[in-house]
Every structure is written in C-alpha cells, then in structure tokens.
Amino acid sequence: MSDFPKIAGIGIDACAIARMEAQLSKPHFLERLFVKEELEYIQMKAIPAESLAALYAAKEAALKAFGLGLGAIPFIDIVVSHDESGRPFYAMRGAALETLAGGKMHLSLTHEGGLAIAMAVLERSGA
C-alpha cells in the first residue's frame, strides 16, 4: 500500500486583538514569544495588533495540533513566516521541529470582529 499523508492533529485558537494591543508596548513579552522576523512583520502592518494576535493564535493552534499544552514547546520555536503572496506558513525550529519529526504543519489565519483566529493541521506520512 502507498505511503499517503494523514491528518495526525488539528488545532484552532482565537485571540482577542484588543488583548494584544496592550502587549505591543511590552518588549519582554514580545521578545520571549516572537523571533525578529515575526516582530518585523508585525510592525510593518497597518494594524500591528491584528497581526500580533494572529501569530499568537497560530502558535497556540500548533501546540493543539501537536496534542500538547502551553509550555510544552517554547513559543519562540514555533515560527510563523509568510511567502511572497502573503500566505502564512510554519517555519519550525528547536523543540517544535523535533516534535514535527518529518511531518508537515499547515496554517490558516484570519481576523475579523475583534478576533484573530488560527487553524493548524498536522500531517504525517502513514499507510
């Protein structure tokens, strides 16, 4: 039988944009949870708090897709990047990359009505 990919986990998270608005002025919070490239991306957006909330939700959604709780993997190891068209994707490193173990994590982000929402789908090879 062929080695088809299978969904091994899904995760969804919502984050209030207003909650992240207050965090924009807290360097300790930002530097503990986000890498330089993520912070640069957030700052270039018209509404930085929207993007901050979306990236935060993406990190929590990834943990849920892995089947892990908060603190199991440092947020800084779950990196959200964007391709030339703006499509978000995970660029895992450290403990997150080890946990991914050759699998693939898909990501979708949206924000509307004061909320940012992220959905993560973990795909692994399987028979």
Protein backbone atom coordinates (compact mmCIF):
# COMPACT_ATOMS: atom_id res chain seq x y z
CA MET A 1 0.00 0.00 0.00
CA SER A 2 1.20 3.54 -0.76
CA ASP A 3 2.50 5.85 1.91
CA PHE A 4 -0.24 8.50 1.94
CA PRO A 5 -0.13 11.55 4.21
CA LYS A 6 -2.67 11.51 7.00
CA ILE A 7 -4.00 14.13 9.36
CA ALA A 8 -2.42 13.48 12.73
CA GLY A 9 -3.79 16.51 14.56
CA ILE A 10 -5.72 19.74 14.22
CA GLY A 11 -5.66 22.83 16.36
CA ILE A 12 -7.63 26.05 16.40
CA ASP A 13 -7.21 29.13 18.54
CA ALA A 14 -8.74 32.59 18.80
CA CYS A 15 -7.04 35.63 20.29
CA ALA A 16 -8.64 38.99 21.10
CA ILE A 17 -6.94 41.74 19.13
CA ALA A 18 -7.51 44.24 21.96
CA ARG A 19 -5.62 41.92 24.32
CA MET A 20 -2.59 42.05 22.03
CA GLU A 21 -2.83 45.83 21.58
CA ALA A 22 -1.64 46.22 25.17
CA GLN A 23 1.25 43.80 24.58
CA LEU A 24 2.75 45.83 21.72
CA SER A 25 4.49 48.12 24.21
CA LYS A 26 5.96 45.25 26.27
CA PRO A 27 9.36 44.27 24.82
CA HIS A 28 9.81 41.41 27.32
CA PHE A 29 6.56 39.78 26.19
CA LEU A 30 7.34 40.26 22.50
CA GLU A 31 10.95 39.04 22.63
CA ARG A 32 10.03 35.99 24.72
CA LEU A 33 7.38 34.76 22.26
CA PHE A 34 8.36 36.05 18.81
CA VAL A 35 11.50 35.97 16.65
CA LYS A 36 12.95 39.06 14.98
CA GLU A 37 11.34 38.30 11.59
CA GLU A 38 7.89 37.94 13.16
CA LEU A 39 8.27 41.24 15.02
CA GLU A 40 9.39 43.00 11.83
CA TYR A 41 6.35 41.59 10.00
CA ILE A 42 4.00 42.77 12.76
CA GLN A 43 5.45 46.28 12.79
CA MET A 44 5.06 46.77 9.03
CA LYS A 45 1.32 46.04 9.13
CA ALA A 46 -1.31 48.80 9.16
CA ILE A 47 -2.82 47.36 12.35
CA PRO A 48 0.04 45.63 14.20
CA ALA A 49 -2.20 44.25 16.98
CA GLU A 50 -4.20 42.24 14.39
CA SER A 51 -1.07 40.53 13.15
CA LEU A 52 0.31 40.03 16.66
CA ALA A 53 -2.94 38.35 17.71
CA ALA A 54 -2.93 36.15 14.59
CA LEU A 55 0.66 34.99 15.18
CA TYR A 56 -0.05 34.33 18.85
CA ALA A 57 -3.12 32.27 17.92
CA ALA A 58 -1.04 30.38 15.32
CA LYS A 59 1.44 29.33 17.99
CA GLU A 60 -1.31 28.07 20.30
CA ALA A 61 -3.05 26.29 17.41
CA ALA A 62 0.20 24.48 16.58
CA LEU A 63 0.52 23.25 20.16
CA LYS A 64 -3.04 21.94 20.00
CA ALA A 65 -2.37 20.19 16.68
CA PHE A 66 0.65 18.54 18.29
CA GLY A 67 -1.64 17.47 21.15
CA LEU A 68 0.42 19.43 23.66
CA GLY A 69 -0.39 22.07 26.23
CA LEU A 70 1.06 25.51 26.82
CA GLY A 71 4.69 25.38 27.85
CA ALA A 72 5.41 22.02 26.20
CA ILE A 73 7.28 23.77 23.37
CA PRO A 74 8.63 27.32 23.65
CA PHE A 75 6.57 29.76 21.55
CA ILE A 76 9.83 31.07 20.11
CA ASP A 77 10.36 27.65 18.43
CA ILE A 78 7.02 27.89 16.59
CA VAL A 79 7.79 30.50 13.94
CA VAL A 80 5.21 31.92 11.53
CA SER A 81 6.56 33.15 8.21
CA HIS A 82 4.90 34.37 5.01
CA ASP A 83 5.62 33.64 1.37
CA GLU A 84 5.77 36.29 -1.39
CA SER A 85 1.98 36.23 -1.80
CA GLY A 86 1.43 36.71 1.95
CA ARG A 87 0.40 33.10 2.66
CA PRO A 88 1.38 32.16 6.22
CA PHE A 89 3.32 29.01 6.98
CA TYR A 90 5.17 27.48 9.89
CA ALA A 91 8.98 27.56 9.96
CA MET A 92 9.53 25.33 13.00
CA ARG A 93 12.83 25.20 14.85
CA GLY A 94 14.26 23.67 18.02
CA ALA A 95 11.78 21.61 20.05
CA ALA A 96 8.95 22.31 17.59
CA LEU A 97 10.99 20.96 14.68
CA GLU A 98 11.89 17.86 16.71
CA THR A 99 8.23 17.30 17.57
CA LEU A 100 7.25 17.75 13.92
CA ALA A 101 9.59 14.80 13.19
CA GLY A 102 9.42 14.99 9.41
CA GLY A 103 5.71 15.79 9.32
CA LYS A 104 4.18 18.95 7.93
CA MET A 105 2.03 21.57 9.66
CA HIS A 106 -0.40 23.63 7.59
CA LEU A 107 -1.66 27.04 8.76
CA SER A 108 -4.59 29.32 8.03
CA LEU A 109 -5.11 32.73 9.67
CA THR A 110 -7.94 35.26 9.69
CA HIS A 111 -9.06 38.24 11.74
CA GLU A 112 -12.49 39.82 11.96
CA GLY A 113 -14.73 41.35 14.59
CA GLY A 114 -12.00 41.91 17.15
CA LEU A 115 -10.65 38.35 16.97
CA ALA A 116 -7.73 36.70 15.23
CA ILE A 117 -8.21 33.01 14.50
CA ALA A 118 -5.65 30.39 13.50
CA MET A 119 -6.10 26.81 12.37
CA ALA A 120 -3.24 24.33 12.23
CA VAL A 121 -3.33 20.89 10.62
CA LEU A 122 -0.57 18.38 11.37
CA GLU A 123 0.14 15.94 8.56
CA ARG A 124 2.28 12.84 8.90
CA SER A 125 3.13 10.05 6.49
CA GLY A 126 1.10 6.93 7.06
CA ALA A 127 -0.08 3.75 5.40
